[in-house]
mmCIF file of all heavy atoms, coordinates in Angstrom:
data_MODEL
# 
_entry.id   MODEL 
# 
loop_
_atom_site.group_PDB 
_atom_site.id 
_atom_site.type_symbol 
_atom_site.label_atom_id 
_atom_site.label_alt_id 
_atom_site.label_comp_id 
_atom_site.label_asym_id 
_atom_site.label_entity_id 
_atom_site.label_seq_id 
_atom_site.pdbx_PDB_ins_code 
_atom_site.Cartn_x 
_atom_site.Cartn_y 
_atom_site.Cartn_z 
_atom_site.occupancy 
_atom_site.B_iso_or_equiv 
_atom_site.pdbx_formal_charge 
_atom_site.auth_seq_id 
_atom_site.auth_comp_id 
_atom_site.auth_asym_id 
_atom_site.auth_atom_id 
_atom_site.pdbx_PDB_model_num 
ATOM 1   N N   . GLN A 1 1  ? 120.783 -163.246 -75.192 1.00 0.00 ? 1  GLN A N   1 
ATOM 2   C CA  . GLN A 1 1  ? 121.790 -164.309 -75.156 1.00 0.00 ? 1  GLN A CA  1 
ATOM 3   C C   . GLN A 1 1  ? 121.762 -165.131 -76.445 1.00 0.00 ? 1  GLN A C   1 
ATOM 4   O O   . GLN A 1 1  ? 122.798 -165.569 -76.931 1.00 0.00 ? 1  GLN A O   1 
ATOM 5   C CB  . GLN A 1 1  ? 121.579 -165.216 -73.944 1.00 0.00 ? 1  GLN A CB  1 
ATOM 6   C CG  . GLN A 1 1  ? 122.734 -166.173 -73.699 1.00 0.00 ? 1  GLN A CG  1 
ATOM 7   C CD  . GLN A 1 1  ? 124.049 -165.450 -73.446 1.00 0.00 ? 1  GLN A CD  1 
ATOM 8   O OE1 . GLN A 1 1  ? 124.117 -164.530 -72.635 1.00 0.00 ? 1  GLN A OE1 1 
ATOM 9   N NE2 . GLN A 1 1  ? 125.104 -165.842 -74.152 1.00 0.00 ? 1  GLN A NE2 1 
ATOM 10  N N   . ALA A 1 2  ? 120.584 -165.321 -77.011 1.00 0.00 ? 2  ALA A N   1 
ATOM 11  C CA  . ALA A 1 2  ? 120.473 -166.063 -78.271 1.00 0.00 ? 2  ALA A CA  1 
ATOM 12  C C   . ALA A 1 2  ? 121.218 -165.341 -79.392 1.00 0.00 ? 2  ALA A C   1 
ATOM 13  O O   . ALA A 1 2  ? 121.871 -165.982 -80.228 1.00 0.00 ? 2  ALA A O   1 
ATOM 14  C CB  . ALA A 1 2  ? 119.006 -166.262 -78.640 1.00 0.00 ? 2  ALA A CB  1 
ATOM 15  N N   . VAL A 1 3  ? 121.178 -164.009 -79.398 1.00 0.00 ? 3  VAL A N   1 
ATOM 16  C CA  . VAL A 1 3  ? 121.936 -163.221 -80.380 1.00 0.00 ? 3  VAL A CA  1 
ATOM 17  C C   . VAL A 1 3  ? 123.432 -163.389 -80.116 1.00 0.00 ? 3  VAL A C   1 
ATOM 18  O O   . VAL A 1 3  ? 124.209 -163.661 -81.037 1.00 0.00 ? 3  VAL A O   1 
ATOM 19  C CB  . VAL A 1 3  ? 121.539 -161.727 -80.343 1.00 0.00 ? 3  VAL A CB  1 
ATOM 20  C CG1 . VAL A 1 3  ? 122.507 -160.881 -81.174 1.00 0.00 ? 3  VAL A CG1 1 
ATOM 21  C CG2 . VAL A 1 3  ? 120.111 -161.540 -80.844 1.00 0.00 ? 3  VAL A CG2 1 
ATOM 22  N N   . LYS A 1 4  ? 123.838 -163.250 -78.867 1.00 0.00 ? 4  LYS A N   1 
ATOM 23  C CA  . LYS A 1 4  ? 125.258 -163.390 -78.507 1.00 0.00 ? 4  LYS A CA  1 
ATOM 24  C C   . LYS A 1 4  ? 125.803 -164.761 -78.888 1.00 0.00 ? 4  LYS A C   1 
ATOM 25  O O   . LYS A 1 4  ? 126.956 -164.886 -79.291 1.00 0.00 ? 4  LYS A O   1 
ATOM 26  C CB  . LYS A 1 4  ? 125.458 -163.155 -77.006 1.00 0.00 ? 4  LYS A CB  1 
ATOM 27  C CG  . LYS A 1 4  ? 125.277 -161.718 -76.589 1.00 0.00 ? 4  LYS A CG  1 
ATOM 28  C CD  . LYS A 1 4  ? 125.441 -161.551 -75.076 1.00 0.00 ? 4  LYS A CD  1 
ATOM 29  C CE  . LYS A 1 4  ? 125.215 -160.098 -74.668 1.00 0.00 ? 4  LYS A CE  1 
ATOM 30  N NZ  . LYS A 1 4  ? 125.268 -159.914 -73.206 1.00 0.00 ? 4  LYS A NZ  1 
ATOM 31  N N   . ASP A 1 5  ? 124.958 -165.790 -78.768 1.00 0.00 ? 5  ASP A N   1 
ATOM 32  C CA  . ASP A 1 5  ? 125.380 -167.156 -79.087 1.00 0.00 ? 5  ASP A CA  1 
ATOM 33  C C   . ASP A 1 5  ? 125.231 -167.499 -80.567 1.00 0.00 ? 5  ASP A C   1 
ATOM 34  O O   . ASP A 1 5  ? 125.512 -168.626 -80.977 1.00 0.00 ? 5  ASP A O   1 
ATOM 35  C CB  . ASP A 1 5  ? 124.589 -168.157 -78.252 1.00 0.00 ? 5  ASP A CB  1 
ATOM 36  C CG  . ASP A 1 5  ? 124.947 -168.096 -76.780 1.00 0.00 ? 5  ASP A CG  1 
ATOM 37  O OD1 . ASP A 1 5  ? 125.916 -167.392 -76.411 1.00 0.00 ? 5  ASP A OD1 1 
ATOM 38  O OD2 . ASP A 1 5  ? 124.252 -168.765 -75.979 1.00 0.00 ? 5  ASP A OD2 1 
ATOM 39  N N   . GLY A 1 6  ? 124.766 -166.537 -81.372 1.00 0.00 ? 6  GLY A N   1 
ATOM 40  C CA  . GLY A 1 6  ? 124.647 -166.759 -82.809 1.00 0.00 ? 6  GLY A CA  1 
ATOM 41  C C   . GLY A 1 6  ? 123.457 -167.600 -83.225 1.00 0.00 ? 6  GLY A C   1 
ATOM 42  O O   . GLY A 1 6  ? 123.420 -168.101 -84.347 1.00 0.00 ? 6  GLY A O   1 
ATOM 43  N N   . LEU A 1 7  ? 122.470 -167.736 -82.358 1.00 0.00 ? 7  LEU A N   1 
ATOM 44  C CA  . LEU A 1 7  ? 121.287 -168.518 -82.694 1.00 0.00 ? 7  LEU A CA  1 
ATOM 45  C C   . LEU A 1 7  ? 120.293 -167.732 -83.546 1.00 0.00 ? 7  LEU A C   1 
ATOM 46  O O   . LEU A 1 7  ? 119.458 -168.324 -84.239 1.00 0.00 ? 7  LEU A O   1 
ATOM 47  C CB  . LEU A 1 7  ? 120.586 -168.991 -81.416 1.00 0.00 ? 7  LEU A CB  1 
ATOM 48  C CG  . LEU A 1 7  ? 121.414 -169.865 -80.485 1.00 0.00 ? 7  LEU A CG  1 
ATOM 49  C CD1 . LEU A 1 7  ? 120.656 -170.122 -79.185 1.00 0.00 ? 7  LEU A CD1 1 
ATOM 50  C CD2 . LEU A 1 7  ? 121.776 -171.177 -81.167 1.00 0.00 ? 7  LEU A CD2 1 
ATOM 51  N N   . ILE A 1 8  ? 120.395 -166.416 -83.471 1.00 0.00 ? 8  ILE A N   1 
ATOM 52  C CA  . ILE A 1 8  ? 119.498 -165.525 -84.196 1.00 0.00 ? 8  ILE A CA  1 
ATOM 53  C C   . ILE A 1 8  ? 120.222 -164.195 -84.390 1.00 0.00 ? 8  ILE A C   1 
ATOM 54  O O   . ILE A 1 8  ? 121.080 -163.837 -83.584 1.00 0.00 ? 8  ILE A O   1 
ATOM 55  C CB  . ILE A 1 8  ? 118.159 -165.339 -83.423 1.00 0.00 ? 8  ILE A CB  1 
ATOM 56  C CG1 . ILE A 1 8  ? 117.109 -164.626 -84.271 1.00 0.00 ? 8  ILE A CG1 1 
ATOM 57  C CG2 . ILE A 1 8  ? 118.377 -164.683 -82.074 1.00 0.00 ? 8  ILE A CG2 1 
ATOM 58  C CD1 . ILE A 1 8  ? 115.712 -164.652 -83.656 1.00 0.00 ? 8  ILE A CD1 1 
ATOM 59  N N   . LYS A 1 9  ? 119.871 -163.487 -85.457 1.00 0.00 ? 9  LYS A N   1 
ATOM 60  C CA  . LYS A 1 9  ? 120.476 -162.178 -85.707 1.00 0.00 ? 9  LYS A CA  1 
ATOM 61  C C   . LYS A 1 9  ? 119.516 -161.076 -85.264 1.00 0.00 ? 9  LYS A C   1 
ATOM 62  O O   . LYS A 1 9  ? 118.299 -161.256 -85.258 1.00 0.00 ? 9  LYS A O   1 
ATOM 63  C CB  . LYS A 1 9  ? 120.776 -162.010 -87.196 1.00 0.00 ? 9  LYS A CB  1 
ATOM 64  C CG  . LYS A 1 9  ? 121.806 -163.011 -87.734 1.00 0.00 ? 9  LYS A CG  1 
ATOM 65  C CD  . LYS A 1 9  ? 122.055 -162.807 -89.204 1.00 0.00 ? 9  LYS A CD  1 
ATOM 66  C CE  . LYS A 1 9  ? 120.822 -163.268 -89.944 1.00 0.00 ? 9  LYS A CE  1 
ATOM 67  N NZ  . LYS A 1 9  ? 120.949 -163.484 -91.345 1.00 0.00 ? 9  LYS A NZ  1 
ATOM 68  N N   . GLU A 1 10 ? 120.087 -159.933 -84.917 1.00 0.00 ? 10 GLU A N   1 
ATOM 69  C CA  . GLU A 1 10 ? 119.245 -158.794 -84.539 1.00 0.00 ? 10 GLU A CA  1 
ATOM 70  C C   . GLU A 1 10 ? 118.281 -158.443 -85.666 1.00 0.00 ? 10 GLU A C   1 
ATOM 71  O O   . GLU A 1 10 ? 117.135 -158.068 -85.410 1.00 0.00 ? 10 GLU A O   1 
ATOM 72  C CB  . GLU A 1 10 ? 120.101 -157.581 -84.179 1.00 0.00 ? 10 GLU A CB  1 
ATOM 73  C CG  . GLU A 1 10 ? 120.760 -157.692 -82.828 1.00 0.00 ? 10 GLU A CG  1 
ATOM 74  C CD  . GLU A 1 10 ? 121.509 -156.437 -82.432 1.00 0.00 ? 10 GLU A CD  1 
ATOM 75  O OE1 . GLU A 1 10 ? 120.943 -155.330 -82.609 1.00 0.00 ? 10 GLU A OE1 1 
ATOM 76  O OE2 . GLU A 1 10 ? 122.641 -156.559 -81.951 1.00 0.00 ? 10 GLU A OE2 1 
ATOM 77  N N   . SER A 1 11 ? 118.729 -158.567 -86.898 1.00 0.00 ? 11 SER A N   1 
ATOM 78  C CA  . SER A 1 11 ? 117.860 -158.244 -88.035 1.00 0.00 ? 11 SER A CA  1 
ATOM 79  C C   . SER A 1 11 ? 116.649 -159.175 -88.096 1.00 0.00 ? 11 SER A C   1 
ATOM 80  O O   . SER A 1 11 ? 115.578 -158.777 -88.566 1.00 0.00 ? 11 SER A O   1 
ATOM 81  C CB  . SER A 1 11 ? 118.654 -158.291 -89.345 1.00 0.00 ? 11 SER A CB  1 
ATOM 82  O OG  . SER A 1 11 ? 119.204 -159.584 -89.547 1.00 0.00 ? 11 SER A OG  1 
ATOM 83  N N   . ASP A 1 12 ? 116.793 -160.418 -87.613 1.00 0.00 ? 12 ASP A N   1 
ATOM 84  C CA  . ASP A 1 12 ? 115.646 -161.330 -87.549 1.00 0.00 ? 12 ASP A CA  1 
ATOM 85  C C   . ASP A 1 12 ? 114.642 -160.848 -86.509 1.00 0.00 ? 12 ASP A C   1 
ATOM 86  O O   . ASP A 1 12 ? 113.428 -160.909 -86.719 1.00 0.00 ? 12 ASP A O   1 
ATOM 87  C CB  . ASP A 1 12 ? 116.105 -162.749 -87.179 1.00 0.00 ? 12 ASP A CB  1 
ATOM 88  C CG  . ASP A 1 12 ? 117.021 -163.370 -88.221 1.00 0.00 ? 12 ASP A CG  1 
ATOM 89  O OD1 . ASP A 1 12 ? 116.778 -163.178 -89.429 1.00 0.00 ? 12 ASP A OD1 1 
ATOM 90  O OD2 . ASP A 1 12 ? 117.988 -164.043 -87.826 1.00 0.00 ? 12 ASP A OD2 1 
ATOM 91  N N   . ILE A 1 13 ? 115.158 -160.367 -85.383 1.00 0.00 ? 13 ILE A N   1 
ATOM 92  C CA  . ILE A 1 13 ? 114.300 -159.849 -84.325 1.00 0.00 ? 13 ILE A CA  1 
ATOM 93  C C   . ILE A 1 13 ? 113.609 -158.564 -84.787 1.00 0.00 ? 13 ILE A C   1 
ATOM 94  O O   . ILE A 1 13 ? 112.453 -158.306 -84.441 1.00 0.00 ? 13 ILE A O   1 
ATOM 95  C CB  . ILE A 1 13 ? 115.107 -159.624 -83.030 1.00 0.00 ? 13 ILE A CB  1 
ATOM 96  C CG1 . ILE A 1 13 ? 115.676 -160.960 -82.535 1.00 0.00 ? 13 ILE A CG1 1 
ATOM 97  C CG2 . ILE A 1 13 ? 114.248 -158.977 -81.953 1.00 0.00 ? 13 ILE A CG2 1 
ATOM 98  C CD1 . ILE A 1 13 ? 116.695 -160.833 -81.417 1.00 0.00 ? 13 ILE A CD1 1 
ATOM 99  N N   . ASP A 1 14 ? 114.308 -157.774 -85.595 1.00 0.00 ? 14 ASP A N   1 
ATOM 100 C CA  . ASP A 1 14 ? 113.741 -156.525 -86.116 1.00 0.00 ? 14 ASP A CA  1 
ATOM 101 C C   . ASP A 1 14 ? 112.441 -156.754 -86.882 1.00 0.00 ? 14 ASP A C   1 
ATOM 102 O O   . ASP A 1 14 ? 111.540 -155.914 -86.869 1.00 0.00 ? 14 ASP A O   1 
ATOM 103 C CB  . ASP A 1 14 ? 114.740 -155.803 -87.024 1.00 0.00 ? 14 ASP A CB  1 
ATOM 104 C CG  . ASP A 1 14 ? 115.896 -155.180 -86.259 1.00 0.00 ? 14 ASP A CG  1 
ATOM 105 O OD1 . ASP A 1 14 ? 115.801 -155.054 -85.016 1.00 0.00 ? 14 ASP A OD1 1 
ATOM 106 O OD2 . ASP A 1 14 ? 116.904 -154.833 -86.911 1.00 0.00 ? 14 ASP A OD2 1 
ATOM 107 N N   . VAL A 1 15 ? 112.327 -157.902 -87.554 1.00 0.00 ? 15 VAL A N   1 
ATOM 108 C CA  . VAL A 1 15 ? 111.101 -158.214 -88.300 1.00 0.00 ? 15 VAL A CA  1 
ATOM 109 C C   . VAL A 1 15 ? 109.916 -158.266 -87.331 1.00 0.00 ? 15 VAL A C   1 
ATOM 110 O O   . VAL A 1 15 ? 108.867 -157.671 -87.573 1.00 0.00 ? 15 VAL A O   1 
ATOM 111 C CB  . VAL A 1 15 ? 111.248 -159.547 -89.068 1.00 0.00 ? 15 VAL A CB  1 
ATOM 112 C CG1 . VAL A 1 15 ? 109.928 -159.960 -89.713 1.00 0.00 ? 15 VAL A CG1 1 
ATOM 113 C CG2 . VAL A 1 15 ? 112.345 -159.439 -90.120 1.00 0.00 ? 15 VAL A CG2 1 
ATOM 114 N N   . SER A 1 16 ? 110.120 -158.967 -86.215 1.00 0.00 ? 16 SER A N   1 
ATOM 115 C CA  . SER A 1 16 ? 109.052 -159.060 -85.214 1.00 0.00 ? 16 SER A CA  1 
ATOM 116 C C   . SER A 1 16 ? 108.804 -157.718 -84.533 1.00 0.00 ? 16 SER A C   1 
ATOM 117 O O   . SER A 1 16 ? 107.649 -157.349 -84.279 1.00 0.00 ? 16 SER A O   1 
ATOM 118 C CB  . SER A 1 16 ? 109.401 -160.114 -84.156 1.00 0.00 ? 16 SER A CB  1 
ATOM 119 O OG  . SER A 1 16 ? 109.296 -161.402 -84.710 1.00 0.00 ? 16 SER A OG  1 
ATOM 120 N N   . ILE A 1 17 ? 109.860 -156.988 -84.245 1.00 0.00 ? 17 ILE A N   1 
ATOM 121 C CA  . ILE A 1 17 ? 109.704 -155.679 -83.598 1.00 0.00 ? 17 ILE A CA  1 
ATOM 122 C C   . ILE A 1 17 ? 108.925 -154.728 -84.506 1.00 0.00 ? 17 ILE A C   1 
ATOM 123 O O   . ILE A 1 17 ? 108.068 -153.976 -84.034 1.00 0.00 ? 17 ILE A O   1 
ATOM 124 C CB  . ILE A 1 17 ? 111.068 -155.086 -83.210 1.00 0.00 ? 17 ILE A CB  1 
ATOM 125 C CG1 . ILE A 1 17 ? 111.664 -155.902 -82.057 1.00 0.00 ? 17 ILE A CG1 1 
ATOM 126 C CG2 . ILE A 1 17 ? 110.948 -153.624 -82.827 1.00 0.00 ? 17 ILE A CG2 1 
ATOM 127 C CD1 . ILE A 1 17 ? 113.085 -155.532 -81.695 1.00 0.00 ? 17 ILE A CD1 1 
ATOM 128 N N   . THR A 1 18 ? 109.191 -154.787 -85.788 1.00 0.00 ? 18 THR A N   1 
ATOM 129 C CA  . THR A 1 18 ? 108.465 -153.933 -86.737 1.00 0.00 ? 18 THR A CA  1 
ATOM 130 C C   . THR A 1 18 ? 106.977 -154.249 -86.706 1.00 0.00 ? 18 THR A C   1 
ATOM 131 O O   . THR A 1 18 ? 106.139 -153.340 -86.657 1.00 0.00 ? 18 THR A O   1 
ATOM 132 C CB  . THR A 1 18 ? 109.040 -154.087 -88.160 1.00 0.00 ? 18 THR A CB  1 
ATOM 133 O OG1 . THR A 1 18 ? 110.401 -153.697 -88.147 1.00 0.00 ? 18 THR A OG1 1 
ATOM 134 C CG2 . THR A 1 18 ? 108.261 -153.270 -89.169 1.00 0.00 ? 18 THR A CG2 1 
ATOM 135 N N   . ARG A 1 19 ? 106.628 -155.534 -86.713 1.00 0.00 ? 19 ARG A N   1 
ATOM 136 C CA  . ARG A 1 19 ? 105.201 -155.903 -86.657 1.00 0.00 ? 19 ARG A CA  1 
ATOM 137 C C   . ARG A 1 19 ? 104.590 -155.470 -85.325 1.00 0.00 ? 19 ARG A C   1 
ATOM 138 O O   . ARG A 1 19 ? 103.456 -154.978 -85.284 1.00 0.00 ? 19 ARG A O   1 
ATOM 139 C CB  . ARG A 1 19 ? 105.032 -157.404 -86.874 1.00 0.00 ? 19 ARG A CB  1 
ATOM 140 C CG  . ARG A 1 19 ? 105.254 -157.832 -88.318 1.00 0.00 ? 19 ARG A CG  1 
ATOM 141 C CD  . ARG A 1 19 ? 104.799 -159.247 -88.589 1.00 0.00 ? 19 ARG A CD  1 
ATOM 142 N NE  . ARG A 1 19 ? 105.687 -160.257 -88.083 1.00 0.00 ? 19 ARG A NE  1 
ATOM 143 C CZ  . ARG A 1 19 ? 106.475 -161.033 -88.831 1.00 0.00 ? 19 ARG A CZ  1 
ATOM 144 N NH1 . ARG A 1 19 ? 106.490 -160.894 -90.148 1.00 0.00 ? 19 ARG A NH1 1 
ATOM 145 N NH2 . ARG A 1 19 ? 107.231 -161.944 -88.273 1.00 0.00 ? 19 ARG A NH2 1 
ATOM 146 N N   . LEU A 1 20 ? 105.321 -155.651 -84.235 1.00 0.00 ? 20 LEU A N   1 
ATOM 147 C CA  . LEU A 1 20 ? 104.828 -155.272 -82.915 1.00 0.00 ? 20 LEU A CA  1 
ATOM 148 C C   . LEU A 1 20 ? 104.612 -153.764 -82.814 1.00 0.00 ? 20 LEU A C   1 
ATOM 149 O O   . LEU A 1 20 ? 103.558 -153.303 -82.367 1.00 0.00 ? 20 LEU A O   1 
ATOM 150 C CB  . LEU A 1 20 ? 105.795 -155.732 -81.824 1.00 0.00 ? 20 LEU A CB  1 
ATOM 151 C CG  . LEU A 1 20 ? 105.475 -155.282 -80.399 1.00 0.00 ? 20 LEU A CG  1 
ATOM 152 C CD1 . LEU A 1 20 ? 104.127 -155.818 -79.949 1.00 0.00 ? 20 LEU A CD1 1 
ATOM 153 C CD2 . LEU A 1 20 ? 106.574 -155.712 -79.456 1.00 0.00 ? 20 LEU A CD2 1 
ATOM 154 N N   . MET A 1 21 ? 105.593 -152.999 -83.232 1.00 0.00 ? 21 MET A N   1 
ATOM 155 C CA  . MET A 1 21 ? 105.476 -151.545 -83.140 1.00 0.00 ? 21 MET A CA  1 
ATOM 156 C C   . MET A 1 21 ? 104.399 -151.008 -84.088 1.00 0.00 ? 21 MET A C   1 
ATOM 157 O O   . MET A 1 21 ? 103.696 -150.058 -83.755 1.00 0.00 ? 21 MET A O   1 
ATOM 158 C CB  . MET A 1 21 ? 106.826 -150.872 -83.389 1.00 0.00 ? 21 MET A CB  1 
ATOM 159 C CG  . MET A 1 21 ? 107.871 -151.190 -82.321 1.00 0.00 ? 21 MET A CG  1 
ATOM 160 S SD  . MET A 1 21 ? 107.318 -150.868 -80.625 1.00 0.00 ? 21 MET A SD  1 
ATOM 161 C CE  . MET A 1 21 ? 107.175 -149.090 -80.648 1.00 0.00 ? 21 MET A CE  1 
ATOM 162 N N   . THR A 1 22 ? 104.254 -151.622 -85.243 1.00 0.00 ? 22 THR A N   1 
ATOM 163 C CA  . THR A 1 22 ? 103.182 -151.231 -86.162 1.00 0.00 ? 22 THR A CA  1 
ATOM 164 C C   . THR A 1 22 ? 101.829 -151.405 -85.475 1.00 0.00 ? 22 THR A C   1 
ATOM 165 O O   . THR A 1 22 ? 100.976 -150.507 -85.529 1.00 0.00 ? 22 THR A O   1 
ATOM 166 C CB  . THR A 1 22 ? 103.240 -152.062 -87.462 1.00 0.00 ? 22 THR A CB  1 
ATOM 167 O OG1 . THR A 1 22 ? 104.484 -151.799 -88.117 1.00 0.00 ? 22 THR A OG1 1 
ATOM 168 C CG2 . THR A 1 22 ? 102.082 -151.736 -88.393 1.00 0.00 ? 22 THR A CG2 1 
ATOM 169 N N   . ALA A 1 23 ? 101.641 -152.537 -84.818 1.00 0.00 ? 23 ALA A N   1 
ATOM 170 C CA  . ALA A 1 23 ? 100.383 -152.792 -84.109 1.00 0.00 ? 23 ALA A CA  1 
ATOM 171 C C   . ALA A 1 23 ? 100.167 -151.765 -82.999 1.00 0.00 ? 23 ALA A C   1 
ATOM 172 O O   . ALA A 1 23 ? 99.057  -151.254 -82.818 1.00 0.00 ? 23 ALA A O   1 
ATOM 173 C CB  . ALA A 1 23 ? 100.381 -154.204 -83.530 1.00 0.00 ? 23 ALA A CB  1 
ATOM 174 N N   . ARG A 1 24 ? 101.216 -151.449 -82.263 1.00 0.00 ? 24 ARG A N   1 
ATOM 175 C CA  . ARG A 1 24 ? 101.083 -150.492 -81.166 1.00 0.00 ? 24 ARG A CA  1 
ATOM 176 C C   . ARG A 1 24 ? 100.738 -149.096 -81.688 1.00 0.00 ? 24 ARG A C   1 
ATOM 177 O O   . ARG A 1 24 ? 99.918  -148.397 -81.091 1.00 0.00 ? 24 ARG A O   1 
ATOM 178 C CB  . ARG A 1 24 ? 102.370 -150.463 -80.344 1.00 0.00 ? 24 ARG A CB  1 
ATOM 179 C CG  . ARG A 1 24 ? 102.580 -151.796 -79.589 1.00 0.00 ? 24 ARG A CG  1 
ATOM 180 C CD  . ARG A 1 24 ? 103.753 -151.753 -78.685 1.00 0.00 ? 24 ARG A CD  1 
ATOM 181 N NE  . ARG A 1 24 ? 103.390 -150.913 -77.535 1.00 0.00 ? 24 ARG A NE  1 
ATOM 182 C CZ  . ARG A 1 24 ? 104.240 -150.553 -76.608 1.00 0.00 ? 24 ARG A CZ  1 
ATOM 183 N NH1 . ARG A 1 24 ? 105.493 -150.941 -76.652 1.00 0.00 ? 24 ARG A NH1 1 
ATOM 184 N NH2 . ARG A 1 24 ? 103.845 -149.789 -75.603 1.00 0.00 ? 24 ARG A NH2 1 
ATOM 185 N N   . PHE A 1 25 ? 101.352 -148.694 -82.804 1.00 0.00 ? 25 PHE A N   1 
ATOM 186 C CA  . PHE A 1 25 ? 101.010 -147.396 -83.394 1.00 0.00 ? 25 PHE A CA  1 
ATOM 187 C C   . PHE A 1 25 ? 99.578  -147.402 -83.913 1.00 0.00 ? 25 PHE A C   1 
ATOM 188 O O   . PHE A 1 25 ? 98.847  -146.427 -83.738 1.00 0.00 ? 25 PHE A O   1 
ATOM 189 C CB  . PHE A 1 25 ? 101.986 -147.016 -84.514 1.00 0.00 ? 25 PHE A CB  1 
ATOM 190 C CG  . PHE A 1 25 ? 103.226 -146.324 -84.022 1.00 0.00 ? 25 PHE A CG  1 
ATOM 191 C CD1 . PHE A 1 25 ? 104.398 -147.030 -83.816 1.00 0.00 ? 25 PHE A CD1 1 
ATOM 192 C CD2 . PHE A 1 25 ? 103.225 -144.963 -83.753 1.00 0.00 ? 25 PHE A CD2 1 
ATOM 193 C CE1 . PHE A 1 25 ? 105.543 -146.396 -83.347 1.00 0.00 ? 25 PHE A CE1 1 
ATOM 194 C CE2 . PHE A 1 25 ? 104.360 -144.311 -83.288 1.00 0.00 ? 25 PHE A CE2 1 
ATOM 195 C CZ  . PHE A 1 25 ? 105.524 -145.030 -83.090 1.00 0.00 ? 25 PHE A CZ  1 
ATOM 196 N N   . GLU A 1 26 ? 99.158  -148.500 -84.560 1.00 0.00 ? 26 GLU A N   1 
ATOM 197 C CA  . GLU A 1 26 ? 97.786  -148.588 -85.065 1.00 0.00 ? 26 GLU A CA  1 
ATOM 198 C C   . GLU A 1 26 ? 96.759  -148.506 -83.939 1.00 0.00 ? 26 GLU A C   1 
ATOM 199 O O   . GLU A 1 26 ? 95.661  -147.991 -84.125 1.00 0.00 ? 26 GLU A O   1 
ATOM 200 C CB  . GLU A 1 26 ? 97.590  -149.876 -85.868 1.00 0.00 ? 26 GLU A CB  1 
ATOM 201 C CG  . GLU A 1 26 ? 98.279  -149.841 -87.213 1.00 0.00 ? 26 GLU A CG  1 
ATOM 202 C CD  . GLU A 1 26 ? 98.196  -151.156 -87.966 1.00 0.00 ? 26 GLU A CD  1 
ATOM 203 O OE1 . GLU A 1 26 ? 97.764  -152.187 -87.381 1.00 0.00 ? 26 GLU A OE1 1 
ATOM 204 O OE2 . GLU A 1 26 ? 98.576  -151.178 -89.148 1.00 0.00 ? 26 GLU A OE2 1 
ATOM 205 N N   . LEU A 1 27 ? 97.112  -149.017 -82.774 1.00 0.00 ? 27 LEU A N   1 
ATOM 206 C CA  . LEU A 1 27 ? 96.219  -148.942 -81.611 1.00 0.00 ? 27 LEU A CA  1 
ATOM 207 C C   . LEU A 1 27 ? 96.200  -147.557 -80.973 1.00 0.00 ? 27 LEU A C   1 
ATOM 208 O O   . LEU A 1 27 ? 95.377  -147.270 -80.122 1.00 0.00 ? 27 LEU A O   1 
ATOM 209 C CB  . LEU A 1 27 ? 96.638  -149.967 -80.554 1.00 0.00 ? 27 LEU A CB  1 
ATOM 210 C CG  . LEU A 1 27 ? 96.267  -151.405 -80.846 1.00 0.00 ? 27 LEU A CG  1 
ATOM 211 C CD1 . LEU A 1 27 ? 96.949  -152.344 -79.866 1.00 0.00 ? 27 LEU A CD1 1 
ATOM 212 C CD2 . LEU A 1 27 ? 94.753  -151.583 -80.798 1.00 0.00 ? 27 LEU A CD2 1 
# 
């Protein structure tokens, strides 16, 4: 909903997802 309302962009979330997925792969 925050993306739909223009409070954040998907590309901003992608930064966090990249760090999260990197950690999961490293584990």
